[in-house]
Amino acid sequence: MKLSSDLQAFQGRIGYEFKDLELLIRALTHGSFSSATRPDNQRLEFLGDRVLGLVMSEKLLRDDPDAPEGTLAPRYNALVRKETCADVARQVDIGAVLKLGRSEMKTGGRRKQALLGDAMEAVIAAVYMDGGLDQAREMILTLWGDRIDKVEDDARDPKTALQEWAQARKMPPPAYIETAREGPDHAPVFTIKAELSNGRSADATANSKRAAEQAAARTLLKQLESKK
């Protein structure tokens, strides 16, 4: 199979060269673009989620051998959650090589957090199947980079942290407002605005209201902390 320049550049961004390009193409194929002869990336996403979880579990245990499970769990969740996967996906510009149907492209599919996170997990599985666990581990740890070192900050529950920020300044709790809902009933995508009484706000999109609220709170916290 001839390698397109886009896929060649993408392999450079993730630091892995595929022997079986069909695995990479499948990992980048969304359900809206799939067909009887072109399977989508959902099965790979399922596997990639587990590979990511194993790699991060190993890493956290090695880095802090004395930490109890109650300390490790929030760190783990912060590293494997969909928002983090989507953030890494943006870092390597998965959106530029995603294979989407026309309807998804029209609704901004290349920027949707859920699609990006799913695709990142699928790429992890494709690397695992093509090169084995060691190659997948190397790619994951490289791409996640300093997110692992800074995981203690990211492990804080962002909605709780934002509420504490507001309370410390004698402000009412933040409001969470649903500003948009897209997609079919079985797979909705929510956009939520986290807003403080002083007018500061941030938006986030995710495939559940809770995840969108958490992401919006996290984004707003980062904005507030950058103003210190």
C-alpha atoms as a PDB file:
ATOM      1  CA  MET A   1       0.000   0.000   0.000  1.00  0.00           C
ATOM      2  CA  LYS A   2       1.314   3.444  -0.931  1.00  0.00           C
ATOM      3  CA  LEU A   3       1.725   5.714   2.068  1.00  0.00           C
ATOM      4  CA  SER A   4       0.160   9.162   1.770  1.00  0.00           C
ATOM      5  CA  SER A   5       2.168  12.158   2.908  1.00  0.00           C
ATOM      6  CA  ASP A   6      -0.434  12.877   5.620  1.00  0.00           C
ATOM      7  CA  LEU A   7      -0.121   9.396   7.112  1.00  0.00           C
ATOM      8  CA  GLN A   8       3.659   9.494   6.829  1.00  0.00           C
ATOM      9  CA  ALA A   9       3.712  12.786   8.738  1.00  0.00           C
ATOM     10  CA  PHE A  10       1.321  11.387  11.342  1.00  0.00           C
ATOM     11  CA  GLN A  11       3.571   8.389  11.949  1.00  0.00           C
ATOM     12  CA  GLY A  12       6.388  10.827  12.568  1.00  0.00           C
ATOM     13  CA  ARG A  13       4.271  12.714  15.100  1.00  0.00           C
ATOM     14  CA  ILE A  14       3.467   9.577  17.102  1.00  0.00           C
ATOM     15  CA  GLY A  15       6.980   8.186  16.768  1.00  0.00           C
ATOM     16  CA  TYR A  16       5.996   4.830  15.299  1.00  0.00           C
ATOM     17  CA  GLU A  17       6.180   3.435  11.748  1.00  0.00           C
ATOM     18  CA  PHE A  18       3.602   0.777  10.923  1.00  0.00           C
ATOM     19  CA  LYS A  19       4.429  -2.477   9.190  1.00  0.00           C
ATOM     20  CA  ASP A  20       0.718  -3.064   8.506  1.00  0.00           C
ATOM     21  CA  LEU A  21      -0.769   0.234   7.319  1.00  0.00           C
ATOM     22  CA  GLU A  22      -4.259  -1.258   7.304  1.00  0.00           C
ATOM     23  CA  LEU A  23      -4.170  -1.227  11.098  1.00  0.00           C
ATOM     24  CA  LEU A  24      -3.414   2.477  11.139  1.00  0.00           C
ATOM     25  CA  ILE A  25      -6.126   3.257   8.596  1.00  0.00           C
ATOM     26  CA  ARG A  26      -8.662   1.255  10.587  1.00  0.00           C
ATOM     27  CA  ALA A  27      -7.680   3.101  13.769  1.00  0.00           C
ATOM     28  CA  LEU A  28      -8.402   6.399  12.033  1.00  0.00           C
ATOM     29  CA  THR A  29     -11.748   5.335  10.504  1.00  0.00           C
ATOM     30  CA  HIS A  30     -14.817   6.672  12.307  1.00  0.00           C
ATOM     31  CA  GLY A  31     -18.114   4.841  12.124  1.00  0.00           C
ATOM     32  CA  SER A  32     -19.555   7.543   9.864  1.00  0.00           C
ATOM     33  CA  PHE A  33     -16.996   6.586   7.185  1.00  0.00           C
ATOM     34  CA  SER A  34     -17.034   2.809   7.611  1.00  0.00           C
ATOM     35  CA  SER A  35     -18.518   0.295   5.181  1.00  0.00           C
ATOM     36  CA  ALA A  36     -18.796  -3.444   4.714  1.00  0.00           C
ATOM     37  CA  THR A  37     -15.218  -3.514   3.459  1.00  0.00           C
ATOM     38  CA  ARG A  38     -13.838  -0.747   5.684  1.00  0.00           C
ATOM     39  CA  PRO A  39     -14.383  -1.482   9.418  1.00  0.00           C
ATOM     40  CA  ASP A  40     -14.471   1.374  11.905  1.00  0.00           C
ATOM     41  CA  ASN A  41     -12.171   1.888  14.882  1.00  0.00           C
ATOM     42  CA  GLN A  42     -14.540   0.890  17.706  1.00  0.00           C
ATOM     43  CA  ARG A  43     -13.008  -2.521  18.394  1.00  0.00           C
ATOM     44  CA  LEU A  44      -9.528  -1.013  18.384  1.00  0.00           C
ATOM     45  CA  GLU A  45     -10.734   1.717  20.738  1.00  0.00           C
ATOM     46  CA  PHE A  46     -11.903  -0.994  23.156  1.00  0.00           C
ATOM     47  CA  LEU A  47      -8.482  -2.652  23.119  1.00  0.00           C
ATOM     48  CA  GLY A  48      -6.536   0.602  23.224  1.00  0.00           C
ATOM     49  CA  ASP A  49      -8.329   1.702  26.368  1.00  0.00           C
ATOM     50  CA  ARG A  50      -7.106  -1.462  28.113  1.00  0.00           C
ATOM     51  CA  VAL A  51      -3.535  -1.133  26.822  1.00  0.00           C
ATOM     52  CA  LEU A  52      -3.400   2.483  27.992  1.00  0.00           C
ATOM     53  CA  GLY A  53      -4.743   1.428  31.387  1.00  0.00           C
ATOM     54  CA  LEU A  54      -2.094  -1.277  31.775  1.00  0.00           C
ATOM     55  CA  VAL A  55       0.765   1.026  30.789  1.00  0.00           C
ATOM     56  CA  MET A  56      -0.360   3.785  33.150  1.00  0.00           C
ATOM     57  CA  SER A  57      -0.963   1.365  36.014  1.00  0.00           C
ATOM     58  CA  GLU A  58       2.567   0.002  35.635  1.00  0.00           C
ATOM     59  CA  LYS A  59       4.054   3.479  35.410  1.00  0.00           C
ATOM     60  CA  LEU A  60       2.271   4.795  38.499  1.00  0.00           C
ATOM     61  CA  LEU A  61       3.233   1.754  40.560  1.00  0.00           C
ATOM     62  CA  ARG A  62       6.887   2.061  39.535  1.00  0.00           C
ATOM     63  CA  ASP A  63       7.038   5.805  40.130  1.00  0.00           C
ATOM     64  CA  ASP A  64       5.516   5.652  43.618  1.00  0.00           C
ATOM     65  CA  PRO A  65       5.952   2.147  45.090  1.00  0.00           C
ATOM     66  CA  ASP A  66       4.611   3.158  48.500  1.00  0.00           C
ATOM     67  CA  ALA A  67       1.441   4.949  47.356  1.00  0.00           C
ATOM     68  CA  PRO A  68      -1.844   3.334  48.492  1.00  0.00           C
ATOM     69  CA  GLU A  69      -4.616   2.508  46.053  1.00  0.00           C
ATOM     70  CA  GLY A  70      -6.610   5.531  47.184  1.00  0.00           C
ATOM     71  CA  THR A  71      -3.773   7.786  46.043  1.00  0.00           C
ATOM     72  CA  LEU A  72      -3.063   5.937  42.806  1.00  0.00           C
ATOM     73  CA  ALA A  73      -6.689   5.756  41.598  1.00  0.00           C
ATOM     74  CA  PRO A  74      -7.272   9.492  40.977  1.00  0.00           C
ATOM     75  CA  ARG A  75      -3.878   9.782  39.296  1.00  0.00           C
ATOM     76  CA  TYR A  76      -4.745   6.852  37.055  1.00  0.00           C
ATOM     77  CA  ASN A  77      -8.160   8.303  36.205  1.00  0.00           C
ATOM     78  CA  ALA A  78      -6.598  11.638  35.310  1.00  0.00           C
ATOM     79  CA  LEU A  79      -4.176   9.996  32.863  1.00  0.00           C
ATOM     80  CA  VAL A  80      -6.596   7.666  31.069  1.00  0.00           C
ATOM     81  CA  ARG A  81      -9.792   9.751  30.954  1.00  0.00           C
ATOM     82  CA  LYS A  82     -11.211  10.723  27.587  1.00  0.00           C
ATOM     83  CA  GLU A  83     -10.288  14.394  28.022  1.00  0.00           C
ATOM     84  CA  THR A  84      -6.609  13.509  28.405  1.00  0.00           C
ATOM     85  CA  CYS A  85      -6.693  11.162  25.407  1.00  0.00           C
ATOM     86  CA  ALA A  86      -8.299  13.933  23.362  1.00  0.00           C
ATOM     87  CA  ASP A  87      -5.642  16.388  24.510  1.00  0.00           C
ATOM     88  CA  VAL A  88      -2.902  14.017  23.327  1.00  0.00           C
ATOM     89  CA  ALA A  89      -4.832  13.495  20.080  1.00  0.00           C
ATOM     90  CA  ARG A  90      -4.771  17.253  19.465  1.00  0.00           C
ATOM     91  CA  GLN A  91      -1.052  17.305  20.235  1.00  0.00           C
ATOM     92  CA  VAL A  92      -0.374  14.844  17.393  1.00  0.00           C
ATOM     93  CA  ASP A  93      -3.135  16.338  15.207  1.00  0.00           C
ATOM     94  CA  ILE A  94      -5.173  13.177  14.776  1.00  0.00           C
ATOM     95  CA  GLY A  95      -8.006  15.347  13.479  1.00  0.00           C
ATOM     96  CA  ALA A  96      -6.053  16.010  10.291  1.00  0.00           C
ATOM     97  CA  VAL A  97      -5.989  12.319   9.358  1.00  0.00           C
ATOM     98  CA  LEU A  98      -9.321  11.084  10.733  1.00  0.00           C
ATOM     99  CA  LYS A  99     -11.559   9.468   8.135  1.00  0.00           C
ATOM    100  CA  LEU A 100     -15.026  10.909   8.746  1.00  0.00           C
ATOM    101  CA  GLY A 101     -18.326  10.832   6.912  1.00  0.00           C
ATOM    102  CA  ARG A 102     -19.773  14.016   5.472  1.00  0.00           C
ATOM    103  CA  SER A 103     -22.220  14.545   8.338  1.00  0.00           C
ATOM    104  CA  GLU A 104     -19.471  14.351  10.970  1.00  0.00           C
ATOM    105  CA  MET A 105     -17.243  16.697   9.015  1.00  0.00           C
ATOM    106  CA  LYS A 106     -20.063  19.227   8.751  1.00  0.00           C
ATOM    107  CA  THR A 107     -20.621  19.168  12.520  1.00  0.00           C
ATOM    108  CA  GLY A 108     -16.961  19.677  13.398  1.00  0.00           C
ATOM    109  CA  GLY A 109     -16.073  16.052  14.015  1.00  0.00           C
ATOM    110  CA  ARG A 110     -12.350  16.693  13.711  1.00  0.00           C
ATOM    111  CA  ARG A 111     -12.560  18.851  16.847  1.00  0.00           C
ATOM    112  CA  LYS A 112     -14.953  16.741  18.945  1.00  0.00           C
ATOM    113  CA  GLN A 113     -13.404  15.550  22.165  1.00  0.00           C
ATOM    114  CA  ALA A 114     -15.119  12.151  22.120  1.00  0.00           C
ATOM    115  CA  LEU A 115     -14.017  11.369  18.564  1.00  0.00           C
ATOM    116  CA  LEU A 116     -10.450  12.492  19.206  1.00  0.00           C
ATOM    117  CA  GLY A 117     -10.166  10.518  22.430  1.00  0.00           C
ATOM    118  CA  ASP A 118     -11.602   7.386  20.831  1.00  0.00           C
ATOM    119  CA  ALA A 119      -9.225   7.685  17.881  1.00  0.00           C
ATOM    120  CA  MET A 120      -6.217   8.069  20.190  1.00  0.00           C
ATOM    121  CA  GLU A 121      -7.161   4.873  22.001  1.00  0.00           C
ATOM    122  CA  ALA A 122      -7.617   3.115  18.647  1.00  0.00           C
ATOM    123  CA  VAL A 123      -4.154   4.221  17.508  1.00  0.00           C
ATOM    124  CA  ILE A 124      -2.689   2.833  20.744  1.00  0.00           C
ATOM    125  CA  ALA A 125      -4.320  -0.530  19.981  1.00  0.00           C
ATOM    126  CA  ALA A 126      -3.058  -0.441  16.395  1.00  0.00           C
ATOM    127  CA  VAL A 127       0.521   0.122  17.593  1.00  0.00           C
ATOM    128  CA  TYR A 128       0.097  -2.671  20.141  1.00  0.00           C
ATOM    129  CA  MET A 129      -1.151  -5.101  17.478  1.00  0.00           C
ATOM    130  CA  ASP A 130       1.493  -4.049  14.951  1.00  0.00           C
ATOM    131  CA  GLY A 131       4.546  -3.824  17.196  1.00  0.00           C
ATOM    132  CA  GLY A 132       3.705  -5.320  20.576  1.00  0.00           C
ATOM    133  CA  LEU A 133       3.392  -3.999  24.107  1.00  0.00           C
ATOM    134  CA  ASP A 134       6.895  -2.529  24.349  1.00  0.00           C
ATOM    135  CA  GLN A 135       6.318  -0.319  21.295  1.00  0.00           C
ATOM    136  CA  ALA A 136       2.893   0.744  22.556  1.00  0.00           C
ATOM    137  CA  ARG A 137       4.327   1.530  25.988  1.00  0.00           C
ATOM    138  CA  GLU A 138       7.133   3.616  24.499  1.00  0.00           C
ATOM    139  CA  MET A 139       4.716   5.630  22.386  1.00  0.00           C
ATOM    140  CA  ILE A 140       2.265   6.207  25.246  1.00  0.00           C
ATOM    141  CA  LEU A 141       4.887   7.329  27.746  1.00  0.00           C
ATOM    142  CA  THR A 142       6.473   9.635  25.168  1.00  0.00           C
ATOM    143  CA  LEU A 143       3.209  11.253  24.083  1.00  0.00           C
ATOM    144  CA  TRP A 144       1.793  11.601  27.601  1.00  0.00           C
ATOM    145  CA  GLY A 145       5.136  13.110  28.618  1.00  0.00           C
ATOM    146  CA  ASP A 146       5.009  15.616  31.453  1.00  0.00           C
ATOM    147  CA  ARG A 147       1.315  14.941  31.999  1.00  0.00           C
ATOM    148  CA  ILE A 148       2.530  11.982  34.044  1.00  0.00           C
ATOM    149  CA  ASP A 149       4.868  14.148  36.111  1.00  0.00           C
ATOM    150  CA  LYS A 150       2.104  16.706  36.716  1.00  0.00           C
ATOM    151  CA  VAL A 151      -0.631  14.181  37.383  1.00  0.00           C
ATOM    152  CA  GLU A 152      -1.002  15.167  41.034  1.00  0.00           C
ATOM    153  CA  ASP A 153      -2.459  18.522  39.992  1.00  0.00           C
ATOM    154  CA  ASP A 154      -4.645  16.982  37.291  1.00  0.00           C
ATOM    155  CA  ALA A 155      -5.969  14.337  39.694  1.00  0.00           C
ATOM    156  CA  ARG A 156      -7.929  16.949  41.655  1.00  0.00           C
ATOM    157  CA  ASP A 157     -11.651  16.827  40.980  1.00  0.00           C
ATOM    158  CA  PRO A 158     -12.049  20.033  38.920  1.00  0.00           C
ATOM    159  CA  LYS A 159     -15.669  20.772  39.907  1.00  0.00           C
ATOM    160  CA  THR A 160     -14.804  20.535  43.588  1.00  0.00           C
ATOM    161  CA  ALA A 161     -11.674  22.627  43.106  1.00  0.00           C
ATOM    162  CA  LEU A 162     -13.606  25.307  41.195  1.00  0.00           C
ATOM    163  CA  GLN A 163     -16.288  25.448  43.893  1.00  0.00           C
ATOM    164  CA  GLU A 164     -13.614  25.801  46.578  1.00  0.00           C
ATOM    165  CA  TRP A 165     -12.022  28.622  44.546  1.00  0.00           C
ATOM    166  CA  ALA A 166     -15.366  30.438  44.427  1.00  0.00           C
ATOM    167  CA  GLN A 167     -16.145  29.861  48.109  1.00  0.00           C
ATOM    168  CA  ALA A 168     -12.744  31.201  49.145  1.00  0.00           C
ATOM    169  CA  ARG A 169     -13.693  34.459  47.441  1.00  0.00           C
ATOM    170  CA  LYS A 170     -17.201  34.518  48.946  1.00  0.00           C
ATOM    171  CA  MET A 171     -18.792  33.823  45.568  1.00  0.00           C
ATOM    172  CA  PRO A 172     -21.754  31.497  44.952  1.00  0.00           C
ATOM    173  CA  PRO A 173     -21.023  28.069  43.456  1.00  0.00           C
ATOM    174  CA  PRO A 174     -20.331  28.001  39.710  1.00  0.00           C
ATOM    175  CA  ALA A 175     -23.199  27.352  37.326  1.00  0.00           C
ATOM    176  CA  TYR A 176     -23.090  24.647  34.653  1.00  0.00           C
ATOM    177  CA  ILE A 177     -25.182  25.471  31.601  1.00  0.00           C
ATOM    178  CA  GLU A 178     -25.867  23.133  28.693  1.00  0.00           C
ATOM    179  CA  THR A 179     -25.342  25.275  25.582  1.00  0.00           C
ATOM    180  CA  ALA A 180     -25.551  22.590  22.906  1.00  0.00           C
ATOM    181  CA  ARG A 181     -26.401  18.959  22.318  1.00  0.00           C
ATOM    182  CA  GLU A 182     -25.522  17.139  19.110  1.00  0.00           C
ATOM    183  CA  GLY A 183     -25.546  13.610  17.780  1.00  0.00           C
ATOM    184  CA  PRO A 184     -28.105  10.794  17.948  1.00  0.00           C
ATOM    185  CA  ASP A 185     -29.946   9.893  21.139  1.00  0.00           C
ATOM    186  CA  HIS A 186     -27.786   6.804  21.670  1.00  0.00           C
ATOM    187  CA  ALA A 187     -24.540   8.794  21.386  1.00  0.00           C
ATOM    188  CA  PRO A 188     -25.151  12.431  22.338  1.00  0.00           C
ATOM    189  CA  VAL A 189     -22.395  15.046  22.563  1.00  0.00           C
ATOM    190  CA  PHE A 190     -22.887  17.822  25.116  1.00  0.00           C
ATOM    191  CA  THR A 191     -21.379  21.293  25.295  1.00  0.00           C
ATOM    192  CA  ILE A 192     -21.388  22.762  28.804  1.00  0.00           C
ATOM    193  CA  LYS A 193     -20.447  26.243  30.001  1.00  0.00           C
ATOM    194  CA  ALA A 194     -18.975  26.584  33.505  1.00  0.00           C
ATOM    195  CA  GLU A 195     -19.680  30.130  34.681  1.00  0.00           C
ATOM    196  CA  LEU A 196     -18.797  32.115  37.798  1.00  0.00           C
ATOM    197  CA  SER A 197     -20.811  35.005  39.189  1.00  0.00           C
ATOM    198  CA  ASN A 198     -18.034  37.418  38.131  1.00  0.00           C
ATOM    199  CA  GLY A 199     -18.679  36.547  34.485  1.00  0.00           C
ATOM    200  CA  ARG A 200     -15.653  34.320  33.933  1.00  0.00           C
ATOM    201  CA  SER A 201     -16.578  31.183  31.993  1.00  0.00           C
ATOM    202  CA  ALA A 202     -15.261  28.308  29.913  1.00  0.00           C
ATOM    203  CA  ASP A 203     -16.871  25.794  27.565  1.00  0.00           C
ATOM    204  CA  ALA A 204     -16.171  22.113  26.974  1.00  0.00           C
ATOM    205  CA  THR A 205     -17.667  19.315  24.911  1.00  0.00           C
ATOM    206  CA  ALA A 206     -17.887  15.619  25.829  1.00  0.00           C
ATOM    207  CA  ASN A 207     -20.088  12.578  25.335  1.00  0.00           C
ATOM    208  CA  SER A 208     -21.693  12.918  28.776  1.00  0.00           C
ATOM    209  CA  LYS A 209     -22.882  15.912  30.771  1.00  0.00           C
ATOM    210  CA  ARG A 210     -20.679  14.989  33.706  1.00  0.00           C
ATOM    211  CA  ALA A 211     -17.545  14.731  31.573  1.00  0.00           C
ATOM    212  CA  ALA A 212     -18.348  18.044  29.867  1.00  0.00           C
ATOM    213  CA  GLU A 213     -18.905  19.744  33.234  1.00  0.00           C
ATOM    214  CA  GLN A 214     -15.615  18.390  34.560  1.00  0.00           C
ATOM    215  CA  ALA A 215     -13.756  19.493  31.436  1.00  0.00           C
ATOM    216  CA  ALA A 216     -15.316  22.973  31.526  1.00  0.00           C
ATOM    217  CA  ALA A 217     -14.428  23.356  35.204  1.00  0.00           C
ATOM    218  CA  ARG A 218     -10.870  22.218  34.518  1.00  0.00           C
ATOM    219  CA  THR A 219     -10.478  24.710  31.663  1.00  0.00           C
ATOM    220  CA  LEU A 220     -11.855  27.566  33.759  1.00  0.00           C
ATOM    221  CA  LEU A 221      -9.537  26.661  36.644  1.00  0.00           C
ATOM    222  CA  LYS A 222      -6.540  26.780  34.323  1.00  0.00           C
ATOM    223  CA  GLN A 223      -7.622  30.215  33.098  1.00  0.00           C
ATOM    224  CA  LEU A 224      -8.024  31.505  36.647  1.00  0.00           C
ATOM    225  CA  GLU A 225      -4.694  30.079  37.779  1.00  0.00           C
ATOM    226  CA  SER A 226      -2.897  31.623  34.807  1.00  0.00           C
ATOM    227  CA  LYS A 227      -4.086  35.042  35.990  1.00  0.00           C
ATOM    228  CA  LYS A 228      -2.327  34.698  39.342  1.00  0.00           C
END
